[in-house]
All heavy atoms as atom14 arrays in JSON, in Angstrom:
{
  "sequence": "AYARAALEGFGVDTRWVGTDPDLNTPVVFCELDPPEDPPLLFYRQPSA",
  "atom14_mask": [
    [1, 1, 1, 1, 1, 0, 0, 0, 0, 0, 0, 0, 0, 0],
    [1, 1, 1, 1, 1, 1, 1, 1, 1, 1, 1, 1, 0, 0],
    [1, 1, 1, 1, 1, 0, 0, 0, 0, 0, 0, 0, 0, 0],
    [1, 1, 1, 1, 1, 1, 1, 1, 1, 1, 1, 0, 0, 0],
    [1, 1, 1, 1, 1, 0, 0, 0, 0, 0, 0, 0, 0, 0],
    [1, 1, 1, 1, 1, 0, 0, 0, 0, 0, 0, 0, 0, 0],
    [1, 1, 1, 1, 1, 1, 1, 1, 0, 0, 0, 0, 0, 0],
    [1, 1, 1, 1, 1, 1, 1, 1, 1, 0, 0, 0, 0, 0],
    [1, 1, 1, 1, 0, 0, 0, 0, 0, 0, 0, 0, 0, 0],
    [1, 1, 1, 1, 1, 1, 1, 1, 1, 1, 1, 0, 0, 0],
    [1, 1, 1, 1, 0, 0, 0, 0, 0, 0, 0, 0, 0, 0],
    [1, 1, 1, 1, 1, 1, 1, 0, 0, 0, 0, 0, 0, 0],
    [1, 1, 1, 1, 1, 1, 1, 1, 0, 0, 0, 0, 0, 0],
    [1, 1, 1, 1, 1, 1, 1, 0, 0, 0, 0, 0, 0, 0],
    [1, 1, 1, 1, 1, 1, 1, 1, 1, 1, 1, 0, 0, 0],
    [1, 1, 1, 1, 1, 1, 1, 1, 1, 1, 1, 1, 1, 1],
    [1, 1, 1, 1, 1, 1, 1, 0, 0, 0, 0, 0, 0, 0],
    [1, 1, 1, 1, 0, 0, 0, 0, 0, 0, 0, 0, 0, 0],
    [1, 1, 1, 1, 1, 1, 1, 0, 0, 0, 0, 0, 0, 0],
    [1, 1, 1, 1, 1, 1, 1, 1, 0, 0, 0, 0, 0, 0],
    [1, 1, 1, 1, 1, 1, 1, 0, 0, 0, 0, 0, 0, 0],
    [1, 1, 1, 1, 1, 1, 1, 1, 0, 0, 0, 0, 0, 0],
    [1, 1, 1, 1, 1, 1, 1, 1, 0, 0, 0, 0, 0, 0],
    [1, 1, 1, 1, 1, 1, 1, 1, 0, 0, 0, 0, 0, 0],
    [1, 1, 1, 1, 1, 1, 1, 0, 0, 0, 0, 0, 0, 0],
    [1, 1, 1, 1, 1, 1, 1, 0, 0, 0, 0, 0, 0, 0],
    [1, 1, 1, 1, 1, 1, 1, 0, 0, 0, 0, 0, 0, 0],
    [1, 1, 1, 1, 1, 1, 1, 0, 0, 0, 0, 0, 0, 0],
    [1, 1, 1, 1, 1, 1, 1, 1, 1, 1, 1, 0, 0, 0],
    [1, 1, 1, 1, 1, 1, 0, 0, 0, 0, 0, 0, 0, 0],
    [1, 1, 1, 1, 1, 1, 1, 1, 1, 0, 0, 0, 0, 0],
    [1, 1, 1, 1, 1, 1, 1, 1, 0, 0, 0, 0, 0, 0],
    [1, 1, 1, 1, 1, 1, 1, 1, 0, 0, 0, 0, 0, 0],
    [1, 1, 1, 1, 1, 1, 1, 0, 0, 0, 0, 0, 0, 0],
    [1, 1, 1, 1, 1, 1, 1, 0, 0, 0, 0, 0, 0, 0],
    [1, 1, 1, 1, 1, 1, 1, 1, 1, 0, 0, 0, 0, 0],
    [1, 1, 1, 1, 1, 1, 1, 1, 0, 0, 0, 0, 0, 0],
    [1, 1, 1, 1, 1, 1, 1, 0, 0, 0, 0, 0, 0, 0],
    [1, 1, 1, 1, 1, 1, 1, 0, 0, 0, 0, 0, 0, 0],
    [1, 1, 1, 1, 1, 1, 1, 1, 0, 0, 0, 0, 0, 0],
    [1, 1, 1, 1, 1, 1, 1, 1, 0, 0, 0, 0, 0, 0],
    [1, 1, 1, 1, 1, 1, 1, 1, 1, 1, 1, 0, 0, 0],
    [1, 1, 1, 1, 1, 1, 1, 1, 1, 1, 1, 1, 0, 0],
    [1, 1, 1, 1, 1, 1, 1, 1, 1, 1, 1, 0, 0, 0],
    [1, 1, 1, 1, 1, 1, 1, 1, 1, 0, 0, 0, 0, 0],
    [1, 1, 1, 1, 1, 1, 1, 0, 0, 0, 0, 0, 0, 0],
    [1, 1, 1, 1, 1, 1, 0, 0, 0, 0, 0, 0, 0, 0],
    [1, 1, 1, 1, 1, 0, 0, 0, 0, 0, 0, 0, 0, 0]
  ],
  "atom14_positions": [
    [[60.85, -25.32, 215.19], [61.81, -25.63, 214.12], [62.59, -26.89, 214.46], [62.84, -27.74, 213.59], [62.75, -24.45, 213.91], [0.0, 0.0, 0.0], [0.0, 0.0, 0.0], [0.0, 0.0, 0.0], [0.0, 0.0, 0.0], [0.0, 0.0, 0.0], [0.0, 0.0, 0.0], [0.0, 0.0, 0.0], [0.0, 0.0, 0.0], [0.0, 0.0, 0.0]],
    [[62.97, -27.03, 215.74], [63.68, -28.23, 216.17], [62.82, -29.48, 215.96], [63.3, -30.5, 215.45], [64.07, -28.11, 217.63], [64.39, -29.45, 218.28], [65.6, -30.1, 218.0], [63.48, -30.07, 219.12], [65.88, -31.33, 218.56], [63.76, -31.31, 219.69], [64.95, -31.94, 219.41], [65.22, -33.16, 219.95], [0.0, 0.0, 0.0], [0.0, 0.0, 0.0]],
    [[61.54, -29.41, 216.38], [60.66, -30.58, 216.27], [60.48, -31.0, 214.82], [60.51, -32.19, 214.49], [59.31, -30.27, 216.92], [0.0, 0.0, 0.0], [0.0, 0.0, 0.0], [0.0, 0.0, 0.0], [0.0, 0.0, 0.0], [0.0, 0.0, 0.0], [0.0, 0.0, 0.0], [0.0, 0.0, 0.0], [0.0, 0.0, 0.0], [0.0, 0.0, 0.0]],
    [[60.28, -30.02, 213.95], [60.1, -30.34, 212.53], [61.37, -30.98, 211.96], [61.31, -31.98, 211.24], [59.74, -29.07, 211.78], [59.16, -29.3, 210.39], [58.94, -27.96, 209.68], [58.0, -27.13, 210.4], [56.68, -27.15, 210.24], [56.15, -28.01, 209.37], [55.89, -26.35, 210.92], [0.0, 0.0, 0.0], [0.0, 0.0, 0.0], [0.0, 0.0, 0.0]],
    [[62.53, -30.41, 212.28], [63.78, -30.96, 211.78], [64.05, -32.35, 212.35], [64.56, -33.23, 211.65], [64.94, -30.01, 212.12], [0.0, 0.0, 0.0], [0.0, 0.0, 0.0], [0.0, 0.0, 0.0], [0.0, 0.0, 0.0], [0.0, 0.0, 0.0], [0.0, 0.0, 0.0], [0.0, 0.0, 0.0], [0.0, 0.0, 0.0], [0.0, 0.0, 0.0]],
    [[63.7, -32.54, 213.63], [63.91, -33.86, 214.24], [63.04, -34.91, 213.56], [63.51, -36.03, 213.29], [63.59, -33.8, 215.74], [0.0, 0.0, 0.0], [0.0, 0.0, 0.0], [0.0, 0.0, 0.0], [0.0, 0.0, 0.0], [0.0, 0.0, 0.0], [0.0, 0.0, 0.0], [0.0, 0.0, 0.0], [0.0, 0.0, 0.0], [0.0, 0.0, 0.0]],
    [[61.79, -34.58, 213.27], [60.92, -35.51, 212.55], [61.54, -35.89, 211.21], [61.57, -37.07, 210.84], [59.54, -34.87, 212.33], [58.58, -34.87, 213.5], [57.38, -33.98, 213.2], [58.12, -36.28, 213.84], [0.0, 0.0, 0.0], [0.0, 0.0, 0.0], [0.0, 0.0, 0.0], [0.0, 0.0, 0.0], [0.0, 0.0, 0.0], [0.0, 0.0, 0.0]],
    [[62.0, -34.91, 210.48], [62.61, -35.19, 209.18], [63.84, -36.07, 209.34], [64.08, -36.99, 208.54], [62.96, -33.87, 208.49], [61.73, -33.06, 208.08], [62.07, -31.67, 207.6], [63.25, -31.25, 207.74], [61.16, -30.99, 207.08], [0.0, 0.0, 0.0], [0.0, 0.0, 0.0], [0.0, 0.0, 0.0], [0.0, 0.0, 0.0], [0.0, 0.0, 0.0]],
    [[64.6, -35.82, 210.39], [65.78, -36.64, 210.64], [65.45, -38.08, 210.95], [66.23, -38.99, 210.62], [0.0, 0.0, 0.0], [0.0, 0.0, 0.0], [0.0, 0.0, 0.0], [0.0, 0.0, 0.0], [0.0, 0.0, 0.0], [0.0, 0.0, 0.0], [0.0, 0.0, 0.0], [0.0, 0.0, 0.0], [0.0, 0.0, 0.0], [0.0, 0.0, 0.0]],
    [[64.31, -38.3, 211.58], [63.86, -39.66, 211.87], [63.15, -40.31, 210.69], [62.74, -41.47, 210.77], [62.92, -39.66, 213.06], [63.59, -39.41, 214.39], [63.17, -38.37, 215.2], [64.63, -40.2, 214.83], [63.77, -38.13, 216.43], [65.24, -39.98, 216.05], [64.81, -38.93, 216.86], [0.0, 0.0, 0.0], [0.0, 0.0, 0.0], [0.0, 0.0, 0.0]],
    [[62.98, -39.57, 209.59], [62.33, -40.13, 208.41], [60.81, -40.05, 208.44], [60.14, -40.76, 207.7], [0.0, 0.0, 0.0], [0.0, 0.0, 0.0], [0.0, 0.0, 0.0], [0.0, 0.0, 0.0], [0.0, 0.0, 0.0], [0.0, 0.0, 0.0], [0.0, 0.0, 0.0], [0.0, 0.0, 0.0], [0.0, 0.0, 0.0], [0.0, 0.0, 0.0]],
    [[60.27, -39.17, 209.28], [58.82, -39.0, 209.37], [58.4, -37.85, 208.45], [58.97, -36.76, 208.49], [58.38, -38.71, 210.82], [56.88, -38.45, 210.9], [58.77, -39.87, 211.72], [0.0, 0.0, 0.0], [0.0, 0.0, 0.0], [0.0, 0.0, 0.0], [0.0, 0.0, 0.0], [0.0, 0.0, 0.0], [0.0, 0.0, 0.0], [0.0, 0.0, 0.0]],
    [[57.39, -38.1, 207.64], [56.86, -37.11, 206.71], [56.24, -35.94, 207.5], [55.43, -36.16, 208.4], [55.78, -37.79, 205.84], [55.39, -36.97, 204.62], [55.34, -35.73, 204.72], [55.1, -37.58, 203.58], [0.0, 0.0, 0.0], [0.0, 0.0, 0.0], [0.0, 0.0, 0.0], [0.0, 0.0, 0.0], [0.0, 0.0, 0.0], [0.0, 0.0, 0.0]],
    [[56.62, -34.71, 207.17], [56.15, -33.54, 207.91], [55.12, -32.71, 207.14], [54.84, -31.58, 207.52], [57.33, -32.64, 208.3], [57.99, -32.19, 207.12], [58.32, -33.38, 209.2], [0.0, 0.0, 0.0], [0.0, 0.0, 0.0], [0.0, 0.0, 0.0], [0.0, 0.0, 0.0], [0.0, 0.0, 0.0], [0.0, 0.0, 0.0], [0.0, 0.0, 0.0]],
    [[54.57, -33.27, 206.07], [53.69, -32.44, 205.24], [52.45, -31.98, 205.98], [51.84, -30.96, 205.61], [53.31, -33.2, 203.96], [52.21, -34.23, 204.13], [51.92, -34.99, 202.85], [52.8, -36.15, 202.75], [52.52, -37.19, 201.96], [51.45, -37.2, 201.21], [53.35, -38.22, 201.93], [0.0, 0.0, 0.0], [0.0, 0.0, 0.0], [0.0, 0.0, 0.0]],
    [[52.04, -32.7, 207.05], [50.85, -32.31, 207.81], [51.21, -31.7, 209.17], [50.38, -31.69, 210.08], [49.92, -33.5, 207.98], [49.34, -33.97, 206.67], [48.44, -33.32, 205.88], [49.62, -35.2, 206.01], [48.15, -34.06, 204.75], [48.87, -35.23, 204.81], [50.44, -36.29, 206.3], [48.9, -36.29, 203.92], [50.49, -37.35, 205.41], [49.72, -37.35, 204.24]],
    [[52.42, -31.22, 209.32], [52.82, -30.51, 210.53], [52.61, -29.02, 210.29], [53.36, -28.38, 209.56], [54.29, -30.79, 210.91], [54.67, -30.01, 212.16], [54.51, -32.28, 211.12], [0.0, 0.0, 0.0], [0.0, 0.0, 0.0], [0.0, 0.0, 0.0], [0.0, 0.0, 0.0], [0.0, 0.0, 0.0], [0.0, 0.0, 0.0], [0.0, 0.0, 0.0]],
    [[51.56, -28.47, 210.89], [51.26, -27.06, 210.72], [51.98, -26.19, 211.74], [52.7, -26.69, 212.61], [0.0, 0.0, 0.0], [0.0, 0.0, 0.0], [0.0, 0.0, 0.0], [0.0, 0.0, 0.0], [0.0, 0.0, 0.0], [0.0, 0.0, 0.0], [0.0, 0.0, 0.0], [0.0, 0.0, 0.0], [0.0, 0.0, 0.0], [0.0, 0.0, 0.0]],
    [[51.77, -24.9, 211.62], [52.39, -23.94, 212.55], [51.33, -23.0, 213.08], [50.6, -22.37, 212.3], [53.49, -23.12, 211.84], [54.48, -24.01, 211.33], [54.14, -22.15, 212.82], [0.0, 0.0, 0.0], [0.0, 0.0, 0.0], [0.0, 0.0, 0.0], [0.0, 0.0, 0.0], [0.0, 0.0, 0.0], [0.0, 0.0, 0.0], [0.0, 0.0, 0.0]],
    [[51.24, -22.9, 214.39], [50.35, -21.94, 215.03], [51.13, -20.64, 215.24], [52.21, -20.66, 215.85], [49.84, -22.48, 216.36], [48.77, -21.6, 216.96], [49.11, -20.49, 217.43], [47.59, -21.98, 216.96], [0.0, 0.0, 0.0], [0.0, 0.0, 0.0], [0.0, 0.0, 0.0], [0.0, 0.0, 0.0], [0.0, 0.0, 0.0], [0.0, 0.0, 0.0]],
    [[50.61, -19.5, 214.76], [51.39, -18.26, 214.84], [51.45, -17.65, 216.23], [52.29, -16.76, 216.47], [50.65, -17.33, 213.87], [49.24, -17.83, 213.89], [49.33, -19.32, 214.05], [0.0, 0.0, 0.0], [0.0, 0.0, 0.0], [0.0, 0.0, 0.0], [0.0, 0.0, 0.0], [0.0, 0.0, 0.0], [0.0, 0.0, 0.0], [0.0, 0.0, 0.0]],
    [[50.59, -18.1, 217.14], [50.45, -17.43, 218.43], [50.91, -18.25, 219.63], [51.33, -17.69, 220.65], [48.99, -17.03, 218.66], [48.47, -16.12, 217.55], [49.19, -15.17, 217.18], [47.37, -16.38, 217.02], [0.0, 0.0, 0.0], [0.0, 0.0, 0.0], [0.0, 0.0, 0.0], [0.0, 0.0, 0.0], [0.0, 0.0, 0.0], [0.0, 0.0, 0.0]],
    [[50.83, -19.57, 219.54], [51.13, -20.42, 220.69], [52.54, -21.01, 220.6], [53.02, -21.29, 219.5], [50.1, -21.55, 220.79], [48.66, -21.12, 221.06], [47.71, -22.3, 220.89], [48.53, -20.52, 222.45], [0.0, 0.0, 0.0], [0.0, 0.0, 0.0], [0.0, 0.0, 0.0], [0.0, 0.0, 0.0], [0.0, 0.0, 0.0], [0.0, 0.0, 0.0]],
    [[53.15, -21.21, 221.74], [54.49, -21.78, 221.78], [54.44, -23.31, 221.65], [53.49, -23.95, 222.1], [55.19, -21.42, 223.08], [55.53, -19.95, 223.18], [55.77, -19.3, 222.16], [55.54, -19.42, 224.39], [0.0, 0.0, 0.0], [0.0, 0.0, 0.0], [0.0, 0.0, 0.0], [0.0, 0.0, 0.0], [0.0, 0.0, 0.0], [0.0, 0.0, 0.0]],
    [[55.48, -23.88, 221.07], [55.66, -25.33, 221.07], [55.77, -25.8, 222.52], [56.54, -25.25, 223.3], [56.93, -25.71, 220.3], [56.86, -25.16, 218.98], [57.11, -27.21, 220.24], [0.0, 0.0, 0.0], [0.0, 0.0, 0.0], [0.0, 0.0, 0.0], [0.0, 0.0, 0.0], [0.0, 0.0, 0.0], [0.0, 0.0, 0.0], [0.0, 0.0, 0.0]],
    [[55.01, -26.82, 222.91], [55.06, -27.28, 224.31], [56.41, -27.87, 224.69], [57.11, -28.45, 223.85], [53.98, -28.36, 224.36], [53.1, -28.1, 223.19], [54.0, -27.54, 222.13], [0.0, 0.0, 0.0], [0.0, 0.0, 0.0], [0.0, 0.0, 0.0], [0.0, 0.0, 0.0], [0.0, 0.0, 0.0], [0.0, 0.0, 0.0], [0.0, 0.0, 0.0]],
    [[56.76, -27.72, 225.96], [57.9, -28.42, 226.52], [57.42, -29.24, 227.71], [56.44, -28.89, 228.37], [59.04, -27.47, 226.95], [59.62, -26.75, 225.75], [58.55, -26.47, 227.99], [0.0, 0.0, 0.0], [0.0, 0.0, 0.0], [0.0, 0.0, 0.0], [0.0, 0.0, 0.0], [0.0, 0.0, 0.0], [0.0, 0.0, 0.0], [0.0, 0.0, 0.0]],
    [[58.1, -30.34, 227.94], [57.75, -31.24, 229.03], [59.02, -31.58, 229.8], [60.0, -32.06, 229.21], [57.11, -32.55, 228.51], [56.67, -33.43, 229.68], [55.93, -32.25, 227.6], [0.0, 0.0, 0.0], [0.0, 0.0, 0.0], [0.0, 0.0, 0.0], [0.0, 0.0, 0.0], [0.0, 0.0, 0.0], [0.0, 0.0, 0.0], [0.0, 0.0, 0.0]],
    [[59.01, -31.32, 231.11], [60.13, -31.69, 231.96], [59.85, -33.05, 232.6], [58.74, -33.29, 233.09], [60.36, -30.64, 233.05], [60.91, -29.34, 232.54], [60.06, -28.34, 232.1], [62.28, -29.13, 232.5], [60.56, -27.14, 231.62], [62.8, -27.93, 232.02], [61.94, -26.92, 231.58], [0.0, 0.0, 0.0], [0.0, 0.0, 0.0], [0.0, 0.0, 0.0]],
    [[60.84, -33.91, 232.58], [60.7, -35.25, 233.12], [61.57, -35.39, 234.36], [62.74, -35.01, 234.35], [61.13, -36.27, 232.07], [61.23, -37.97, 232.67], [0.0, 0.0, 0.0], [0.0, 0.0, 0.0], [0.0, 0.0, 0.0], [0.0, 0.0, 0.0], [0.0, 0.0, 0.0], [0.0, 0.0, 0.0], [0.0, 0.0, 0.0], [0.0, 0.0, 0.0]],
    [[60.99, -35.91, 235.44], [61.74, -36.23, 236.64], [61.94, -37.74, 236.67], [60.98, -38.5, 236.48], [60.99, -35.76, 237.88], [61.8, -35.8, 239.15], [61.11, -35.06, 240.29], [60.04, -34.47, 240.06], [61.66, -35.07, 241.4], [0.0, 0.0, 0.0], [0.0, 0.0, 0.0], [0.0, 0.0, 0.0], [0.0, 0.0, 0.0], [0.0, 0.0, 0.0]],
    [[63.15, -38.21, 236.88], [63.48, -39.62, 236.67], [63.24, -40.51, 237.89], [63.65, -41.67, 237.89], [64.93, -39.74, 236.22], [65.26, -39.05, 234.9], [66.73, -39.24, 234.56], [64.38, -39.56, 233.78], [0.0, 0.0, 0.0], [0.0, 0.0, 0.0], [0.0, 0.0, 0.0], [0.0, 0.0, 0.0], [0.0, 0.0, 0.0], [0.0, 0.0, 0.0]],
    [[62.57, -40.01, 238.89], [62.34, -40.8, 240.09], [60.86, -40.73, 240.46], [60.35, -39.64, 240.73], [63.19, -40.25, 241.24], [63.15, -41.11, 242.49], [62.77, -42.29, 242.36], [63.49, -40.61, 243.57], [0.0, 0.0, 0.0], [0.0, 0.0, 0.0], [0.0, 0.0, 0.0], [0.0, 0.0, 0.0], [0.0, 0.0, 0.0], [0.0, 0.0, 0.0]],
    [[60.13, -41.89, 240.41], [60.63, -43.23, 240.12], [60.75, -43.47, 238.62], [59.94, -42.97, 237.85], [59.56, -44.14, 240.73], [58.3, -43.33, 240.61], [58.71, -41.9, 240.8], [0.0, 0.0, 0.0], [0.0, 0.0, 0.0], [0.0, 0.0, 0.0], [0.0, 0.0, 0.0], [0.0, 0.0, 0.0], [0.0, 0.0, 0.0], [0.0, 0.0, 0.0]],
    [[61.72, -44.25, 238.18], [61.91, -44.46, 236.75], [60.77, -45.21, 236.08], [60.52, -45.03, 234.88], [63.22, -45.26, 236.68], [63.39, -45.87, 238.03], [62.77, -44.91, 238.99], [0.0, 0.0, 0.0], [0.0, 0.0, 0.0], [0.0, 0.0, 0.0], [0.0, 0.0, 0.0], [0.0, 0.0, 0.0], [0.0, 0.0, 0.0], [0.0, 0.0, 0.0]],
    [[60.06, -46.05, 236.85], [58.95, -46.82, 236.26], [57.76, -45.92, 235.91], [56.96, -46.25, 235.04], [58.48, -47.91, 237.22], [59.53, -48.97, 237.51], [60.49, -48.54, 238.6], [60.31, -47.44, 239.17], [61.43, -49.31, 238.91], [0.0, 0.0, 0.0], [0.0, 0.0, 0.0], [0.0, 0.0, 0.0], [0.0, 0.0, 0.0], [0.0, 0.0, 0.0]],
    [[57.61, -44.81, 236.61], [56.5, -43.89, 236.37], [56.98, -42.46, 236.6], [56.61, -41.81, 237.57], [55.33, -44.22, 237.31], [54.08, -43.43, 237.0], [53.99, -42.89, 235.87], [53.21, -43.31, 237.88], [0.0, 0.0, 0.0], [0.0, 0.0, 0.0], [0.0, 0.0, 0.0], [0.0, 0.0, 0.0], [0.0, 0.0, 0.0], [0.0, 0.0, 0.0]],
    [[57.84, -41.96, 235.72], [58.47, -40.66, 235.95], [57.46, -39.52, 235.93], [56.65, -39.43, 235.0], [59.47, -40.54, 234.79], [58.96, -41.47, 233.75], [58.28, -42.58, 234.46], [0.0, 0.0, 0.0], [0.0, 0.0, 0.0], [0.0, 0.0, 0.0], [0.0, 0.0, 0.0], [0.0, 0.0, 0.0], [0.0, 0.0, 0.0], [0.0, 0.0, 0.0]],
    [[57.46, -38.66, 236.94], [56.55, -37.51, 236.93], [56.87, -36.57, 235.77], [58.05, -36.37, 235.41], [56.84, -36.83, 238.28], [57.48, -37.88, 239.12], [58.25, -38.75, 238.17], [0.0, 0.0, 0.0], [0.0, 0.0, 0.0], [0.0, 0.0, 0.0], [0.0, 0.0, 0.0], [0.0, 0.0, 0.0], [0.0, 0.0, 0.0], [0.0, 0.0, 0.0]],
    [[55.83, -36.0, 235.18], [55.99, -35.1, 234.04], [55.41, -33.73, 234.39], [54.36, -33.63, 235.03], [55.26, -35.65, 232.81], [55.73, -37.02, 232.3], [54.87, -37.45, 231.12], [57.19, -36.97, 231.9], [0.0, 0.0, 0.0], [0.0, 0.0, 0.0], [0.0, 0.0, 0.0], [0.0, 0.0, 0.0], [0.0, 0.0, 0.0], [0.0, 0.0, 0.0]],
    [[56.1, -32.7, 233.97], [55.63, -31.33, 234.16], [55.42, -30.73, 232.78], [56.36, -30.43, 232.05], [56.67, -30.53, 234.95], [56.34, -29.09, 235.29], [55.06, -29.01, 236.11], [57.5, -28.44, 236.04], [0.0, 0.0, 0.0], [0.0, 0.0, 0.0], [0.0, 0.0, 0.0], [0.0, 0.0, 0.0], [0.0, 0.0, 0.0], [0.0, 0.0, 0.0]],
    [[54.14, -30.58, 232.39], [53.77, -30.11, 231.06], [53.64, -28.59, 231.04], [53.01, -28.0, 231.91], [52.43, -30.7, 230.63], [52.47, -32.16, 230.27], [52.22, -33.13, 231.23], [52.72, -32.57, 228.97], [52.24, -34.48, 230.91], [52.74, -33.92, 228.63], [52.49, -34.87, 229.61], [0.0, 0.0, 0.0], [0.0, 0.0, 0.0], [0.0, 0.0, 0.0]],
    [[54.22, -27.97, 230.02], [54.02, -26.55, 229.76], [53.24, -26.44, 228.44], [53.84, -26.45, 227.36], [55.35, -25.81, 229.7], [55.96, -25.56, 231.05], [56.63, -26.58, 231.73], [55.84, -24.33, 231.68], [57.18, -26.37, 232.99], [56.38, -24.1, 232.95], [57.05, -25.13, 233.59], [57.59, -24.92, 234.84], [0.0, 0.0, 0.0], [0.0, 0.0, 0.0]],
    [[51.91, -26.36, 228.57], [51.02, -26.32, 227.41], [49.95, -25.24, 227.59], [48.85, -25.37, 227.06], [50.35, -27.69, 227.2], [51.29, -28.79, 226.77], [50.62, -30.15, 226.8], [49.47, -30.27, 225.93], [49.53, -30.63, 224.65], [50.7, -30.89, 224.08], [48.42, -30.73, 223.93], [0.0, 0.0, 0.0], [0.0, 0.0, 0.0], [0.0, 0.0, 0.0]],
    [[50.25, -24.2, 228.35], [49.27, -23.17, 228.62], [49.52, -21.93, 227.73], [50.68, -21.63, 227.42], [49.33, -22.75, 230.1], [48.86, -23.81, 231.08], [49.92, -24.85, 231.36], [51.1, -24.6, 231.13], [49.54, -26.0, 231.86], [0.0, 0.0, 0.0], [0.0, 0.0, 0.0], [0.0, 0.0, 0.0], [0.0, 0.0, 0.0], [0.0, 0.0, 0.0]],
    [[48.44, -21.2, 227.35], [47.03, -21.46, 227.67], [46.43, -22.6, 226.85], [45.38, -23.12, 227.16], [46.35, -20.13, 227.32], [47.21, -19.59, 226.21], [48.62, -19.98, 226.55], [0.0, 0.0, 0.0], [0.0, 0.0, 0.0], [0.0, 0.0, 0.0], [0.0, 0.0, 0.0], [0.0, 0.0, 0.0], [0.0, 0.0, 0.0], [0.0, 0.0, 0.0]],
    [[47.13, -22.99, 225.79], [46.77, -24.15, 224.98], [48.02, -24.55, 224.24], [49.04, -23.85, 224.27], [45.63, -23.81, 224.0], [45.27, -24.95, 223.23], [0.0, 0.0, 0.0], [0.0, 0.0, 0.0], [0.0, 0.0, 0.0], [0.0, 0.0, 0.0], [0.0, 0.0, 0.0], [0.0, 0.0, 0.0], [0.0, 0.0, 0.0], [0.0, 0.0, 0.0]],
    [[47.96, -25.68, 223.58], [49.09, -26.14, 222.77], [48.72, -26.07, 221.3], [47.55, -26.23, 220.94], [49.45, -27.58, 223.15], [0.0, 0.0, 0.0], [0.0, 0.0, 0.0], [0.0, 0.0, 0.0], [0.0, 0.0, 0.0], [0.0, 0.0, 0.0], [0.0, 0.0, 0.0], [0.0, 0.0, 0.0], [0.0, 0.0, 0.0], [0.0, 0.0, 0.0]]
  ]
}
């Protein structure tokens, strides 16, 4: 719900944003060191 509302707030058309009834919206944690290539920790299991 947050992602859809954020898109609308940025003026992006959401007509093709679907909803999967079983899988969670992915989250990504960012580590800021080093800032030029920050490590990312993706939570997209078992699928996104």
